N, C-alpha and C. Protein backbone atom coordinates (compact mmCIF):
# COMPACT_ATOMS: atom_id res chain seq x y z
N MET A 1 -18.71 28.36 -32.78
CA MET A 1 -18.71 27.54 -31.59
C MET A 1 -17.95 26.26 -31.88
N ASP A 2 -17.02 25.90 -30.98
CA ASP A 2 -16.24 24.68 -31.15
C ASP A 2 -17.06 23.46 -30.76
N ARG A 3 -16.83 22.39 -31.48
CA ARG A 3 -17.50 21.14 -31.15
C ARG A 3 -16.56 20.28 -30.31
N ILE A 4 -17.12 19.51 -29.42
CA ILE A 4 -16.34 18.60 -28.61
C ILE A 4 -16.09 17.33 -29.41
N ASP A 5 -14.82 16.95 -29.49
CA ASP A 5 -14.44 15.73 -30.18
C ASP A 5 -14.50 14.59 -29.16
N THR A 6 -15.50 13.73 -29.29
CA THR A 6 -15.67 12.64 -28.32
C THR A 6 -14.60 11.57 -28.46
N ASN A 7 -13.84 11.58 -29.55
CA ASN A 7 -12.78 10.60 -29.74
C ASN A 7 -11.42 11.12 -29.29
N ALA A 8 -11.35 12.37 -28.86
CA ALA A 8 -10.08 12.96 -28.46
C ALA A 8 -9.61 12.41 -27.12
N THR A 9 -8.29 12.32 -26.97
CA THR A 9 -7.71 11.89 -25.71
C THR A 9 -7.51 13.11 -24.83
N HIS A 10 -7.96 13.03 -23.60
CA HIS A 10 -7.85 14.13 -22.67
C HIS A 10 -6.75 13.86 -21.66
N ALA A 11 -6.38 14.83 -20.88
CA ALA A 11 -5.25 14.72 -19.96
C ALA A 11 -5.55 13.97 -18.67
N THR A 12 -6.75 13.50 -18.48
CA THR A 12 -7.07 12.77 -17.27
C THR A 12 -6.38 11.42 -17.28
N PRO A 13 -5.59 11.11 -16.24
CA PRO A 13 -4.90 9.83 -16.25
C PRO A 13 -5.85 8.66 -16.07
N ASP A 14 -5.53 7.56 -16.74
CA ASP A 14 -6.32 6.35 -16.60
C ASP A 14 -5.75 5.55 -15.43
N PRO A 15 -6.50 5.39 -14.33
CA PRO A 15 -5.96 4.71 -13.16
C PRO A 15 -5.68 3.23 -13.39
N MET A 16 -6.06 2.68 -14.52
CA MET A 16 -5.83 1.26 -14.76
C MET A 16 -4.65 1.02 -15.70
N LEU A 17 -3.79 2.02 -15.91
CA LEU A 17 -2.59 1.85 -16.72
C LEU A 17 -1.51 1.14 -15.92
N HIS A 18 -0.43 0.78 -16.60
CA HIS A 18 0.76 0.21 -15.96
C HIS A 18 0.45 -1.06 -15.18
N GLY A 19 -0.10 -2.05 -15.87
CA GLY A 19 -0.35 -3.33 -15.24
C GLY A 19 -1.39 -3.31 -14.14
N GLY A 20 -2.31 -2.34 -14.20
CA GLY A 20 -3.36 -2.29 -13.20
C GLY A 20 -2.92 -1.67 -11.89
N GLN A 21 -1.71 -1.12 -11.83
CA GLN A 21 -1.22 -0.55 -10.58
C GLN A 21 -1.47 0.94 -10.50
N GLY A 22 -2.11 1.50 -11.51
CA GLY A 22 -2.42 2.93 -11.46
C GLY A 22 -1.39 3.73 -12.24
N ALA A 23 -1.80 4.86 -12.78
CA ALA A 23 -0.92 5.71 -13.57
C ALA A 23 -0.08 6.60 -12.69
N PHE A 24 -0.34 6.61 -11.42
CA PHE A 24 0.38 7.47 -10.48
C PHE A 24 0.45 6.75 -9.14
N ALA A 25 1.35 7.19 -8.30
CA ALA A 25 1.50 6.56 -6.98
C ALA A 25 0.18 6.60 -6.24
N GLY A 26 -0.21 5.46 -5.72
CA GLY A 26 -1.46 5.40 -4.96
C GLY A 26 -2.65 5.04 -5.82
N GLY A 27 -2.44 4.82 -7.13
CA GLY A 27 -3.54 4.41 -7.99
C GLY A 27 -4.03 3.03 -7.59
N ALA A 28 -5.30 2.79 -7.73
CA ALA A 28 -5.88 1.53 -7.29
C ALA A 28 -5.38 0.38 -8.14
N PRO A 29 -5.14 -0.79 -7.54
CA PRO A 29 -4.78 -1.96 -8.31
C PRO A 29 -5.98 -2.44 -9.10
N ALA A 30 -5.73 -3.34 -10.05
CA ALA A 30 -6.82 -3.87 -10.85
C ALA A 30 -7.87 -4.50 -9.95
N GLY A 31 -9.13 -4.28 -10.25
CA GLY A 31 -10.20 -4.80 -9.44
C GLY A 31 -10.34 -4.00 -8.16
N SER A 32 -11.14 -4.51 -7.25
CA SER A 32 -11.33 -3.78 -6.00
C SER A 32 -10.16 -4.06 -5.05
N PHE A 33 -9.85 -3.09 -4.22
CA PHE A 33 -8.74 -3.17 -3.28
C PHE A 33 -9.13 -4.05 -2.11
N ASP A 34 -8.35 -5.08 -1.86
CA ASP A 34 -8.55 -5.93 -0.69
C ASP A 34 -7.34 -5.72 0.21
N PRO A 35 -7.50 -4.97 1.31
CA PRO A 35 -6.34 -4.64 2.12
C PRO A 35 -5.68 -5.84 2.76
N TRP A 36 -6.37 -6.94 2.96
CA TRP A 36 -5.85 -8.06 3.73
C TRP A 36 -5.42 -9.24 2.89
N ARG A 37 -5.15 -8.98 1.61
CA ARG A 37 -4.71 -10.05 0.71
C ARG A 37 -3.58 -9.53 -0.16
N TYR A 38 -2.48 -10.29 -0.24
CA TYR A 38 -1.37 -9.91 -1.11
C TYR A 38 -1.84 -9.98 -2.56
N ARG A 39 -1.36 -9.05 -3.36
CA ARG A 39 -1.70 -9.06 -4.78
C ARG A 39 -1.02 -10.27 -5.43
N ASP A 40 -1.70 -10.85 -6.40
CA ASP A 40 -1.17 -12.04 -7.08
C ASP A 40 0.18 -11.80 -7.72
N ASP A 41 0.39 -10.58 -8.23
CA ASP A 41 1.64 -10.28 -8.95
C ASP A 41 2.70 -9.61 -8.08
N ALA A 42 2.51 -9.59 -6.76
CA ALA A 42 3.47 -8.92 -5.87
C ALA A 42 4.74 -9.75 -5.65
N GLY A 43 4.67 -11.06 -5.85
CA GLY A 43 5.84 -11.90 -5.68
C GLY A 43 6.07 -12.36 -4.25
N VAL A 44 5.01 -12.41 -3.45
CA VAL A 44 5.15 -12.82 -2.05
C VAL A 44 5.20 -14.34 -1.94
N ALA A 45 4.21 -15.02 -2.46
CA ALA A 45 4.14 -16.48 -2.53
C ALA A 45 4.59 -17.19 -1.25
N ASP A 46 3.97 -16.89 -0.13
CA ASP A 46 4.24 -17.57 1.16
C ASP A 46 5.70 -17.51 1.61
N THR A 47 6.45 -16.53 1.13
CA THR A 47 7.83 -16.34 1.54
C THR A 47 7.88 -15.71 2.92
N ASP A 48 8.86 -16.11 3.73
CA ASP A 48 9.05 -15.49 5.03
C ASP A 48 9.72 -14.14 4.80
N LEU A 49 8.99 -13.07 5.04
CA LEU A 49 9.47 -11.71 4.76
C LEU A 49 10.11 -11.05 5.98
N VAL A 50 10.16 -11.72 7.12
CA VAL A 50 10.74 -11.14 8.32
C VAL A 50 12.21 -10.79 8.04
N GLY A 51 12.57 -9.56 8.39
CA GLY A 51 13.93 -9.07 8.16
C GLY A 51 14.09 -8.30 6.86
N TYR A 52 13.13 -8.38 5.94
CA TYR A 52 13.20 -7.63 4.69
C TYR A 52 13.04 -6.14 5.02
N LYS A 53 13.70 -5.29 4.24
CA LYS A 53 13.52 -3.85 4.36
C LYS A 53 12.24 -3.47 3.63
N VAL A 54 11.61 -2.38 4.09
CA VAL A 54 10.37 -1.91 3.46
C VAL A 54 10.61 -0.53 2.88
N GLU A 55 10.25 -0.38 1.61
CA GLU A 55 10.40 0.88 0.89
C GLU A 55 9.03 1.46 0.55
N ALA A 56 8.77 2.66 1.03
CA ALA A 56 7.57 3.39 0.63
C ALA A 56 7.86 4.02 -0.74
N THR A 57 6.92 4.73 -1.31
CA THR A 57 7.14 5.36 -2.62
C THR A 57 8.20 6.44 -2.56
N ASP A 58 8.50 6.94 -1.35
CA ASP A 58 9.47 8.03 -1.22
C ASP A 58 10.59 7.73 -0.23
N GLY A 59 10.89 6.45 -0.02
CA GLY A 59 12.03 6.11 0.82
C GLY A 59 11.77 4.98 1.79
N SER A 60 12.83 4.58 2.48
CA SER A 60 12.80 3.46 3.41
C SER A 60 12.02 3.81 4.68
N ILE A 61 11.26 2.82 5.20
CA ILE A 61 10.54 3.05 6.45
C ILE A 61 10.96 2.09 7.56
N GLY A 62 11.72 1.06 7.26
CA GLY A 62 12.16 0.15 8.31
C GLY A 62 12.27 -1.28 7.82
N LYS A 63 12.25 -2.22 8.81
CA LYS A 63 12.36 -3.65 8.53
C LYS A 63 11.15 -4.39 9.05
N ILE A 64 10.81 -5.48 8.37
CA ILE A 64 9.66 -6.28 8.76
C ILE A 64 10.00 -7.09 10.01
N ASP A 65 9.15 -6.93 11.01
CA ASP A 65 9.29 -7.62 12.28
C ASP A 65 8.42 -8.87 12.32
N GLU A 66 7.29 -8.79 11.61
CA GLU A 66 6.32 -9.88 11.59
C GLU A 66 5.59 -9.84 10.26
N ALA A 67 5.33 -11.03 9.70
CA ALA A 67 4.58 -11.11 8.44
C ALA A 67 3.56 -12.23 8.55
N SER A 68 2.34 -11.92 8.18
CA SER A 68 1.25 -12.89 8.23
C SER A 68 0.86 -13.29 6.81
N HIS A 69 0.54 -14.57 6.67
CA HIS A 69 0.04 -15.08 5.39
C HIS A 69 -1.33 -15.72 5.55
N GLU A 70 -2.07 -15.28 6.57
CA GLU A 70 -3.40 -15.81 6.81
C GLU A 70 -4.33 -15.43 5.66
N VAL A 71 -5.18 -16.34 5.28
CA VAL A 71 -6.13 -16.08 4.19
C VAL A 71 -7.04 -14.92 4.58
N ASN A 72 -7.08 -13.91 3.74
CA ASN A 72 -7.91 -12.71 3.93
C ASN A 72 -7.61 -11.97 5.24
N ALA A 73 -6.41 -12.15 5.79
CA ALA A 73 -6.03 -11.46 7.02
C ALA A 73 -4.52 -11.23 7.06
N SER A 74 -3.89 -11.09 5.90
CA SER A 74 -2.43 -10.96 5.82
C SER A 74 -1.99 -9.52 6.04
N TYR A 75 -0.83 -9.37 6.69
CA TYR A 75 -0.32 -8.04 7.01
C TYR A 75 1.18 -8.12 7.28
N LEU A 76 1.80 -6.94 7.38
CA LEU A 76 3.20 -6.80 7.78
C LEU A 76 3.24 -5.89 9.00
N VAL A 77 4.11 -6.21 9.94
CA VAL A 77 4.40 -5.30 11.04
C VAL A 77 5.83 -4.83 10.81
N VAL A 78 5.99 -3.52 10.69
CA VAL A 78 7.29 -2.94 10.35
C VAL A 78 7.83 -2.16 11.54
N ASP A 79 9.07 -2.49 11.92
CA ASP A 79 9.77 -1.74 12.96
C ASP A 79 10.40 -0.55 12.25
N THR A 80 9.94 0.64 12.58
CA THR A 80 10.38 1.85 11.86
C THR A 80 11.71 2.39 12.36
N GLY A 81 12.24 1.81 13.43
CA GLY A 81 13.54 2.26 13.95
C GLY A 81 13.53 3.75 14.23
N PRO A 82 14.56 4.47 13.78
CA PRO A 82 14.65 5.90 14.08
C PRO A 82 13.67 6.76 13.27
N TRP A 83 13.05 6.21 12.22
CA TRP A 83 12.16 7.02 11.38
C TRP A 83 10.99 7.57 12.21
N ILE A 84 10.32 6.71 12.98
CA ILE A 84 9.25 7.18 13.87
C ILE A 84 9.63 6.79 15.30
N PHE A 85 10.86 6.98 15.65
CA PHE A 85 11.38 6.76 17.00
C PHE A 85 10.99 5.42 17.59
N GLY A 86 11.32 4.35 16.86
CA GLY A 86 11.15 3.01 17.38
C GLY A 86 9.74 2.46 17.40
N LYS A 87 8.80 3.15 16.82
CA LYS A 87 7.43 2.64 16.77
C LYS A 87 7.31 1.60 15.67
N LYS A 88 6.27 0.83 15.77
CA LYS A 88 5.95 -0.15 14.74
C LYS A 88 4.67 0.27 14.04
N VAL A 89 4.57 -0.10 12.77
CA VAL A 89 3.36 0.17 12.00
C VAL A 89 2.88 -1.14 11.40
N MET A 90 1.58 -1.26 11.25
CA MET A 90 1.01 -2.41 10.57
C MET A 90 0.59 -1.98 9.17
N LEU A 91 1.01 -2.74 8.18
CA LEU A 91 0.63 -2.49 6.80
C LEU A 91 -0.18 -3.67 6.29
N PRO A 92 -1.41 -3.44 5.84
CA PRO A 92 -2.18 -4.53 5.25
C PRO A 92 -1.46 -5.08 4.02
N ALA A 93 -1.59 -6.36 3.77
CA ALA A 93 -0.91 -7.03 2.66
C ALA A 93 -1.20 -6.38 1.31
N GLY A 94 -2.38 -5.81 1.14
CA GLY A 94 -2.75 -5.20 -0.14
C GLY A 94 -1.92 -4.00 -0.53
N THR A 95 -1.18 -3.43 0.41
CA THR A 95 -0.32 -2.28 0.09
C THR A 95 1.00 -2.71 -0.54
N VAL A 96 1.31 -4.01 -0.49
CA VAL A 96 2.57 -4.51 -1.06
C VAL A 96 2.45 -4.52 -2.58
N ASN A 97 3.32 -3.75 -3.21
CA ASN A 97 3.33 -3.62 -4.65
C ASN A 97 4.17 -4.73 -5.29
N ARG A 98 5.37 -4.95 -4.72
CA ARG A 98 6.25 -6.01 -5.24
C ARG A 98 7.31 -6.32 -4.20
N VAL A 99 7.95 -7.48 -4.40
CA VAL A 99 9.00 -7.93 -3.51
C VAL A 99 10.24 -8.23 -4.35
N ASP A 100 11.39 -7.71 -3.90
CA ASP A 100 12.67 -8.02 -4.53
C ASP A 100 13.40 -8.96 -3.57
N HIS A 101 13.36 -10.25 -3.87
CA HIS A 101 13.94 -11.24 -2.98
C HIS A 101 15.46 -11.19 -2.98
N ASP A 102 16.08 -10.77 -4.10
CA ASP A 102 17.54 -10.68 -4.16
C ASP A 102 18.06 -9.62 -3.19
N ASP A 103 17.40 -8.45 -3.15
CA ASP A 103 17.80 -7.36 -2.26
C ASP A 103 17.08 -7.41 -0.91
N LYS A 104 16.18 -8.38 -0.76
CA LYS A 104 15.38 -8.52 0.47
C LYS A 104 14.67 -7.20 0.81
N LYS A 105 13.89 -6.72 -0.19
CA LYS A 105 13.12 -5.49 -0.03
C LYS A 105 11.67 -5.71 -0.45
N VAL A 106 10.78 -5.11 0.32
CA VAL A 106 9.35 -5.10 0.01
C VAL A 106 8.99 -3.67 -0.33
N PHE A 107 8.35 -3.48 -1.48
CA PHE A 107 7.95 -2.15 -1.94
C PHE A 107 6.44 -2.01 -1.74
N VAL A 108 6.05 -0.95 -1.02
CA VAL A 108 4.63 -0.67 -0.82
C VAL A 108 4.26 0.57 -1.61
N ASP A 109 2.99 0.67 -1.95
CA ASP A 109 2.53 1.77 -2.81
C ASP A 109 1.94 2.93 -2.02
N ARG A 110 2.54 3.22 -0.89
CA ARG A 110 2.13 4.35 -0.08
C ARG A 110 3.35 5.20 0.25
N SER A 111 3.12 6.49 0.49
CA SER A 111 4.22 7.39 0.86
C SER A 111 4.47 7.28 2.36
N LYS A 112 5.60 7.80 2.78
CA LYS A 112 5.93 7.82 4.20
C LYS A 112 4.88 8.59 4.99
N ASP A 113 4.41 9.71 4.45
CA ASP A 113 3.39 10.50 5.13
C ASP A 113 2.08 9.74 5.29
N GLN A 114 1.69 8.98 4.26
CA GLN A 114 0.46 8.20 4.36
C GLN A 114 0.59 7.12 5.44
N ILE A 115 1.75 6.49 5.51
CA ILE A 115 1.98 5.45 6.51
C ILE A 115 2.02 6.06 7.91
N LYS A 116 2.68 7.19 8.02
CA LYS A 116 2.80 7.85 9.32
C LYS A 116 1.43 8.31 9.83
N ALA A 117 0.53 8.67 8.93
CA ALA A 117 -0.79 9.18 9.30
C ALA A 117 -1.81 8.06 9.57
N ALA A 118 -1.42 6.81 9.35
CA ALA A 118 -2.34 5.68 9.55
C ALA A 118 -2.70 5.53 11.02
N PRO A 119 -3.82 4.88 11.29
CA PRO A 119 -4.17 4.62 12.69
C PRO A 119 -3.01 3.93 13.41
N GLU A 120 -2.70 4.40 14.61
CA GLU A 120 -1.54 3.92 15.35
C GLU A 120 -1.67 2.44 15.71
N TYR A 121 -0.57 1.72 15.53
CA TYR A 121 -0.53 0.29 15.81
C TYR A 121 -0.19 0.05 17.28
N ASP A 122 -0.94 -0.85 17.90
CA ASP A 122 -0.70 -1.24 19.27
C ASP A 122 -0.62 -2.77 19.30
N GLU A 123 0.57 -3.30 19.58
CA GLU A 123 0.80 -4.75 19.56
C GLU A 123 -0.15 -5.51 20.48
N THR A 124 -0.60 -4.88 21.54
CA THR A 124 -1.44 -5.56 22.52
C THR A 124 -2.92 -5.50 22.15
N ASP A 125 -3.27 -4.69 21.16
CA ASP A 125 -4.67 -4.52 20.78
C ASP A 125 -5.03 -5.50 19.66
N THR A 126 -5.82 -6.51 19.98
CA THR A 126 -6.24 -7.49 18.98
C THR A 126 -7.69 -7.26 18.56
N ASP A 127 -8.21 -6.11 18.86
CA ASP A 127 -9.59 -5.75 18.58
C ASP A 127 -9.84 -5.73 17.07
N PRO A 128 -10.85 -6.46 16.57
CA PRO A 128 -11.17 -6.44 15.14
C PRO A 128 -11.51 -5.03 14.63
N ALA A 129 -11.96 -4.15 15.52
CA ALA A 129 -12.28 -2.78 15.10
C ALA A 129 -11.04 -2.05 14.59
N TYR A 130 -9.87 -2.35 15.18
CA TYR A 130 -8.62 -1.73 14.71
C TYR A 130 -8.34 -2.17 13.28
N ARG A 131 -8.48 -3.45 13.03
CA ARG A 131 -8.24 -3.98 11.68
C ARG A 131 -9.19 -3.35 10.67
N ASP A 132 -10.45 -3.20 11.05
CA ASP A 132 -11.43 -2.56 10.16
C ASP A 132 -11.05 -1.10 9.90
N LYS A 133 -10.64 -0.42 10.95
CA LYS A 133 -10.24 0.99 10.83
C LYS A 133 -9.01 1.12 9.92
N LEU A 134 -8.01 0.25 10.12
CA LEU A 134 -6.79 0.30 9.32
C LEU A 134 -7.07 -0.05 7.86
N GLY A 135 -7.86 -1.10 7.64
CA GLY A 135 -8.23 -1.48 6.27
C GLY A 135 -8.99 -0.37 5.57
N GLY A 136 -9.89 0.27 6.30
CA GLY A 136 -10.64 1.40 5.73
C GLY A 136 -9.75 2.57 5.40
N TYR A 137 -8.79 2.86 6.28
CA TYR A 137 -7.85 3.96 6.03
C TYR A 137 -7.07 3.72 4.74
N TYR A 138 -6.48 2.55 4.61
CA TYR A 138 -5.68 2.28 3.41
C TYR A 138 -6.55 2.14 2.17
N GLY A 139 -7.76 1.63 2.31
CA GLY A 139 -8.67 1.56 1.17
C GLY A 139 -9.06 2.94 0.68
N ASP A 140 -9.26 3.87 1.63
CA ASP A 140 -9.63 5.24 1.27
C ASP A 140 -8.50 6.01 0.62
N THR A 141 -7.25 5.56 0.79
CA THR A 141 -6.13 6.30 0.18
C THR A 141 -5.97 5.99 -1.30
N TYR A 142 -6.71 4.99 -1.81
CA TYR A 142 -6.73 4.77 -3.26
C TYR A 142 -7.74 5.74 -3.84
N THR A 143 -7.38 6.38 -4.92
CA THR A 143 -8.27 7.34 -5.54
C THR A 143 -8.00 7.40 -7.03
N ALA A 144 -9.01 7.73 -7.81
CA ALA A 144 -8.81 7.91 -9.25
C ALA A 144 -8.27 9.29 -9.56
N THR A 145 -8.17 10.13 -8.55
CA THR A 145 -7.66 11.48 -8.74
C THR A 145 -6.29 11.59 -8.10
N PRO A 146 -5.26 12.02 -8.85
CA PRO A 146 -3.93 12.12 -8.25
C PRO A 146 -3.92 13.06 -7.05
N PRO A 147 -3.05 12.77 -6.06
CA PRO A 147 -2.96 13.65 -4.90
C PRO A 147 -2.67 15.09 -5.33
N GLY A 148 -3.29 16.04 -4.65
CA GLY A 148 -3.06 17.46 -4.96
C GLY A 148 -3.96 18.00 -6.06
N THR A 149 -4.83 17.15 -6.60
CA THR A 149 -5.73 17.57 -7.67
C THR A 149 -7.10 17.87 -7.09
N ALA A 150 -7.67 18.99 -7.46
CA ALA A 150 -9.02 19.35 -6.97
C ALA A 150 -10.03 18.36 -7.51
N ARG A 151 -11.00 18.04 -6.69
CA ARG A 151 -12.06 17.11 -7.12
C ARG A 151 -13.27 17.85 -7.58
């Protein structure tokens, strides 16, 4: 009978590798995920991000139409142009992975499919329930198990 080596390294990825950004796309950032606060290391620092291009993990999704820097209520509104036929999407600030100010690009840690599947944004709806629903959706997309892996 083989014995289990408790000191052996197994193939399970450590979600806290790579600067706390996760060992795979969508891995949780260090600490608990706060959807409405920019990460300290994202490079936002109260910069006006309007007009910056937004890159998902698998390609461009559009340009920033509106950016909020409200304490615990920060977000981006992205005009998706032809990608989703002129619709806009709201991305909570916590999805911003990093900002490249030289290229005027914001990189988010979600795929195009994850963004497309998010609760639909309505510019006229200021209901706090929408914000709670959106924050919950993006919070639930963080997982310690890589996508496509059985739980």
